[in-house]
Amino acid sequence: VLEDYAETVHSLGSTDTPTITVSNGNVQTVTITSGLTLPAFSDAATGQTVTLIVSGSGTCSGTANHKCAGGNTTLTTLSVVSIFYDGTNYLTSIATDFQ
């Protein structure tokens, strides 16, 4: 039974090309200036997930096997990028339009 559960939020700072290290936590933040280039996790293991809270707008792309749900790569001022690593691919979905 989990009670009063909260995840640590790790800041990646301001960069368009962050290094995502799962051992830093499953929730991470980054501020971008023109776009986001997603890398492979630096410590990838099958079944790992990262939720990336992105401030700044632009387009999202991946340098690894990132597959974006619905082909959506558009980031708005505040976006949540959810990434699941299946051992081969980084299954990525982007949520936007928070009101």
N, C-alpha and C. Protein backbone atom coordinates (compact mmCIF):
# COMPACT_ATOMS: atom_id res chain seq x y z
N VAL A 1 0.84 -1.17 0.00
CA VAL A 1 0.00 0.00 0.00
C VAL A 1 0.89 1.23 0.00
N LEU A 2 0.69 2.09 -0.97
CA LEU A 2 1.43 3.34 -1.04
C LEU A 2 0.60 4.44 -0.41
N GLU A 3 1.21 5.19 0.47
CA GLU A 3 0.54 6.34 1.06
C GLU A 3 1.46 7.54 0.95
N ASP A 4 0.87 8.69 0.67
CA ASP A 4 1.64 9.93 0.55
C ASP A 4 2.80 9.77 -0.43
N TYR A 5 2.53 9.10 -1.54
CA TYR A 5 3.56 8.82 -2.54
C TYR A 5 3.81 10.05 -3.40
N ALA A 6 5.06 10.38 -3.61
CA ALA A 6 5.44 11.47 -4.51
C ALA A 6 6.79 11.12 -5.12
N GLU A 7 6.96 11.47 -6.38
CA GLU A 7 8.22 11.22 -7.04
C GLU A 7 9.08 12.47 -7.00
N THR A 8 10.37 12.26 -6.92
CA THR A 8 11.31 13.36 -7.00
C THR A 8 11.33 13.87 -8.44
N VAL A 9 11.37 15.18 -8.61
CA VAL A 9 11.44 15.77 -9.94
C VAL A 9 12.86 16.28 -10.15
N HIS A 10 13.52 15.72 -11.15
CA HIS A 10 14.92 16.07 -11.45
C HIS A 10 14.95 17.09 -12.59
N SER A 11 15.68 18.18 -12.39
CA SER A 11 15.79 19.21 -13.42
C SER A 11 16.99 18.96 -14.32
N LEU A 12 16.74 19.00 -15.63
CA LEU A 12 17.80 18.87 -16.62
C LEU A 12 18.30 20.24 -17.07
N GLY A 13 17.70 21.30 -16.53
CA GLY A 13 18.12 22.66 -16.87
C GLY A 13 17.55 23.12 -18.19
N SER A 14 18.29 23.98 -18.87
CA SER A 14 17.87 24.55 -20.13
C SER A 14 18.75 24.01 -21.25
N THR A 15 18.19 23.14 -22.07
CA THR A 15 18.93 22.54 -23.18
C THR A 15 17.97 21.93 -24.18
N ASP A 16 18.30 21.99 -25.44
CA ASP A 16 17.49 21.34 -26.46
C ASP A 16 17.90 19.89 -26.68
N THR A 17 19.03 19.48 -26.09
CA THR A 17 19.55 18.12 -26.25
C THR A 17 19.92 17.53 -24.88
N PRO A 18 18.92 17.20 -24.07
CA PRO A 18 19.21 16.72 -22.72
C PRO A 18 19.77 15.29 -22.70
N THR A 19 20.48 14.97 -21.64
CA THR A 19 20.89 13.60 -21.36
C THR A 19 19.89 13.05 -20.36
N ILE A 20 19.18 12.00 -20.74
CA ILE A 20 18.16 11.43 -19.86
C ILE A 20 18.74 10.22 -19.15
N THR A 21 18.89 10.33 -17.85
CA THR A 21 19.42 9.27 -17.01
C THR A 21 18.30 8.82 -16.07
N VAL A 22 17.82 7.59 -16.26
CA VAL A 22 16.68 7.11 -15.49
C VAL A 22 17.00 7.06 -14.00
N SER A 23 18.24 6.79 -13.65
CA SER A 23 18.60 6.73 -12.23
C SER A 23 18.44 8.08 -11.53
N ASN A 24 18.25 9.16 -12.29
CA ASN A 24 17.97 10.47 -11.69
C ASN A 24 16.50 10.60 -11.30
N GLY A 25 15.68 9.65 -11.70
CA GLY A 25 14.26 9.68 -11.37
C GLY A 25 13.41 9.56 -12.61
N ASN A 26 12.17 9.15 -12.40
CA ASN A 26 11.27 8.92 -13.54
C ASN A 26 10.54 10.18 -13.99
N VAL A 27 10.64 11.27 -13.22
CA VAL A 27 10.05 12.54 -13.63
C VAL A 27 11.17 13.55 -13.73
N GLN A 28 11.31 14.14 -14.92
CA GLN A 28 12.38 15.10 -15.14
C GLN A 28 11.82 16.31 -15.88
N THR A 29 12.47 17.46 -15.71
CA THR A 29 12.03 18.68 -16.37
C THR A 29 13.14 19.22 -17.25
N VAL A 30 12.75 19.92 -18.31
CA VAL A 30 13.72 20.57 -19.18
C VAL A 30 13.07 21.81 -19.79
N THR A 31 13.86 22.84 -19.99
CA THR A 31 13.41 24.05 -20.69
C THR A 31 14.14 24.08 -22.03
N ILE A 32 13.37 24.24 -23.10
CA ILE A 32 13.96 24.26 -24.45
C ILE A 32 13.81 25.65 -25.05
N THR A 33 14.65 25.94 -26.06
CA THR A 33 14.56 27.23 -26.74
C THR A 33 13.96 27.11 -28.13
N SER A 34 14.24 26.01 -28.86
CA SER A 34 13.71 25.90 -30.22
C SER A 34 13.20 24.51 -30.58
N GLY A 35 13.53 23.52 -29.82
CA GLY A 35 13.09 22.16 -30.10
C GLY A 35 13.72 21.21 -29.12
N LEU A 36 13.31 19.96 -29.17
CA LEU A 36 13.80 18.95 -28.24
C LEU A 36 14.29 17.75 -29.03
N THR A 37 15.53 17.37 -28.81
CA THR A 37 16.08 16.17 -29.41
C THR A 37 16.23 15.13 -28.31
N LEU A 38 15.43 14.06 -28.40
CA LEU A 38 15.44 13.02 -27.39
C LEU A 38 16.53 11.99 -27.69
N PRO A 39 17.35 11.69 -26.70
CA PRO A 39 18.38 10.66 -26.88
C PRO A 39 17.88 9.32 -26.35
N ALA A 40 18.69 8.29 -26.53
CA ALA A 40 18.47 7.05 -25.80
C ALA A 40 18.74 7.34 -24.33
N PHE A 41 18.07 6.62 -23.42
CA PHE A 41 18.37 6.77 -22.00
C PHE A 41 19.83 6.36 -21.79
N SER A 42 20.56 7.10 -20.97
CA SER A 42 21.97 6.77 -20.75
C SER A 42 22.15 5.47 -19.97
N ASP A 43 21.11 5.02 -19.29
CA ASP A 43 21.16 3.77 -18.53
C ASP A 43 19.93 2.93 -18.81
N ALA A 44 19.65 2.74 -20.11
CA ALA A 44 18.41 2.09 -20.54
C ALA A 44 18.33 0.63 -20.13
N ALA A 45 17.15 0.25 -19.64
CA ALA A 45 16.81 -1.14 -19.37
C ALA A 45 15.36 -1.34 -19.78
N THR A 46 15.05 -2.49 -20.31
CA THR A 46 13.70 -2.79 -20.76
C THR A 46 12.68 -2.52 -19.66
N GLY A 47 11.60 -1.84 -20.03
CA GLY A 47 10.51 -1.55 -19.10
C GLY A 47 10.62 -0.23 -18.38
N GLN A 48 11.69 0.51 -18.61
CA GLN A 48 11.84 1.79 -17.93
C GLN A 48 10.98 2.87 -18.58
N THR A 49 10.55 3.82 -17.76
CA THR A 49 9.78 4.96 -18.26
C THR A 49 10.35 6.26 -17.70
N VAL A 50 10.14 7.32 -18.47
CA VAL A 50 10.47 8.67 -18.01
C VAL A 50 9.34 9.58 -18.45
N THR A 51 8.91 10.42 -17.54
CA THR A 51 7.97 11.49 -17.86
C THR A 51 8.78 12.77 -17.86
N LEU A 52 8.79 13.44 -18.99
CA LEU A 52 9.57 14.66 -19.17
C LEU A 52 8.62 15.84 -19.29
N ILE A 53 8.72 16.78 -18.35
CA ILE A 53 7.91 18.00 -18.38
C ILE A 53 8.74 19.04 -19.14
N VAL A 54 8.21 19.50 -20.27
CA VAL A 54 8.95 20.38 -21.16
C VAL A 54 8.35 21.78 -21.16
N SER A 55 9.16 22.78 -20.87
CA SER A 55 8.77 24.18 -20.98
C SER A 55 9.42 24.74 -22.23
N GLY A 56 8.64 25.41 -23.05
CA GLY A 56 9.14 25.95 -24.30
C GLY A 56 8.48 25.22 -25.46
N SER A 57 8.43 25.87 -26.61
CA SER A 57 7.76 25.26 -27.76
C SER A 57 8.75 24.93 -28.85
N GLY A 58 8.30 24.07 -29.76
CA GLY A 58 9.14 23.64 -30.87
C GLY A 58 8.72 22.26 -31.32
N THR A 59 9.63 21.58 -31.96
CA THR A 59 9.37 20.24 -32.47
C THR A 59 10.24 19.25 -31.71
N CYS A 60 9.70 18.06 -31.51
CA CYS A 60 10.41 16.98 -30.82
C CYS A 60 10.91 15.99 -31.86
N SER A 61 12.16 15.57 -31.71
CA SER A 61 12.71 14.53 -32.56
C SER A 61 13.53 13.59 -31.69
N GLY A 62 13.89 12.46 -32.23
CA GLY A 62 14.64 11.50 -31.45
C GLY A 62 15.88 11.02 -32.17
N THR A 63 16.96 10.87 -31.43
CA THR A 63 18.20 10.36 -32.02
C THR A 63 18.27 8.85 -31.92
N ALA A 64 17.43 8.27 -31.09
CA ALA A 64 17.39 6.82 -30.93
C ALA A 64 16.14 6.30 -31.64
N ASN A 65 15.65 5.15 -31.27
CA ASN A 65 14.45 4.57 -31.87
C ASN A 65 13.19 5.13 -31.23
N HIS A 66 13.02 6.44 -31.29
CA HIS A 66 11.81 7.06 -30.74
C HIS A 66 10.69 6.97 -31.75
N LYS A 67 9.56 6.45 -31.30
CA LYS A 67 8.36 6.33 -32.12
C LYS A 67 7.29 7.17 -31.43
N CYS A 68 6.83 8.23 -32.10
CA CYS A 68 5.87 9.16 -31.50
C CYS A 68 4.43 8.74 -31.81
N ALA A 69 3.61 8.65 -30.79
CA ALA A 69 2.20 8.27 -30.94
C ALA A 69 1.51 9.21 -31.91
N GLY A 70 0.86 8.65 -32.91
CA GLY A 70 0.12 9.45 -33.88
C GLY A 70 1.01 10.33 -34.74
N GLY A 71 2.32 10.17 -34.63
CA GLY A 71 3.24 11.02 -35.39
C GLY A 71 3.34 12.42 -34.84
N ASN A 72 2.73 12.67 -33.67
CA ASN A 72 2.74 14.01 -33.08
C ASN A 72 4.12 14.34 -32.53
N THR A 73 4.72 15.40 -33.06
CA THR A 73 6.02 15.86 -32.58
C THR A 73 5.98 17.33 -32.16
N THR A 74 4.80 17.90 -32.03
CA THR A 74 4.65 19.32 -31.71
C THR A 74 4.62 19.54 -30.21
N LEU A 75 5.49 20.43 -29.74
CA LEU A 75 5.53 20.83 -28.34
C LEU A 75 4.99 22.24 -28.22
N THR A 76 4.19 22.48 -27.19
CA THR A 76 3.68 23.82 -26.95
C THR A 76 4.40 24.39 -25.73
N THR A 77 3.97 25.52 -25.24
CA THR A 77 4.64 26.19 -24.13
C THR A 77 4.87 25.26 -22.93
N LEU A 78 3.91 24.37 -22.68
CA LEU A 78 4.04 23.38 -21.61
C LEU A 78 3.57 22.04 -22.16
N SER A 79 4.46 21.07 -22.19
CA SER A 79 4.14 19.75 -22.72
C SER A 79 4.63 18.67 -21.76
N VAL A 80 3.96 17.53 -21.80
CA VAL A 80 4.39 16.36 -21.04
C VAL A 80 4.74 15.28 -22.05
N VAL A 81 5.99 14.86 -22.04
CA VAL A 81 6.47 13.83 -22.95
C VAL A 81 6.66 12.55 -22.13
N SER A 82 5.89 11.53 -22.46
CA SER A 82 5.98 10.25 -21.77
C SER A 82 6.72 9.27 -22.65
N ILE A 83 7.73 8.61 -22.08
CA ILE A 83 8.57 7.71 -22.86
C ILE A 83 8.63 6.36 -22.16
N PHE A 84 8.34 5.29 -22.92
CA PHE A 84 8.46 3.92 -22.43
C PHE A 84 9.47 3.19 -23.30
N TYR A 85 10.48 2.58 -22.66
CA TYR A 85 11.49 1.83 -23.41
C TYR A 85 11.14 0.35 -23.38
N ASP A 86 10.89 -0.24 -24.55
CA ASP A 86 10.49 -1.65 -24.61
C ASP A 86 11.66 -2.60 -24.85
N GLY A 87 12.85 -2.10 -24.79
CA GLY A 87 14.04 -2.90 -25.04
C GLY A 87 14.64 -2.65 -26.41
N THR A 88 13.84 -2.10 -27.32
CA THR A 88 14.29 -1.75 -28.66
C THR A 88 13.89 -0.32 -29.01
N ASN A 89 12.62 -0.02 -28.80
CA ASN A 89 12.06 1.28 -29.18
C ASN A 89 11.72 2.12 -27.95
N TYR A 90 11.74 3.43 -28.16
CA TYR A 90 11.29 4.39 -27.16
C TYR A 90 9.91 4.86 -27.62
N LEU A 91 8.87 4.31 -27.00
CA LEU A 91 7.50 4.64 -27.37
C LEU A 91 7.13 5.94 -26.66
N THR A 92 6.95 6.98 -27.45
CA THR A 92 6.87 8.35 -26.96
C THR A 92 5.51 8.96 -27.27
N SER A 93 4.89 9.57 -26.27
CA SER A 93 3.65 10.30 -26.52
C SER A 93 3.78 11.70 -25.93
N ILE A 94 3.16 12.65 -26.58
CA ILE A 94 3.26 14.05 -26.18
C ILE A 94 1.86 14.58 -25.85
N ALA A 95 1.71 15.09 -24.65
CA ALA A 95 0.46 15.73 -24.24
C ALA A 95 0.68 17.24 -24.20
N THR A 96 -0.27 17.99 -24.76
CA THR A 96 -0.17 19.45 -24.81
C THR A 96 -1.53 20.05 -24.50
N ASP A 97 -1.65 21.34 -24.67
CA ASP A 97 -2.91 22.07 -24.53
C ASP A 97 -3.48 21.98 -23.11
N PHE A 98 -2.61 22.17 -22.12
CA PHE A 98 -3.07 22.17 -20.74
C PHE A 98 -3.77 23.50 -20.46
N GLN A 99 -4.98 23.44 -19.91
CA GLN A 99 -5.79 24.65 -19.71
C GLN A 99 -6.26 24.74 -18.29
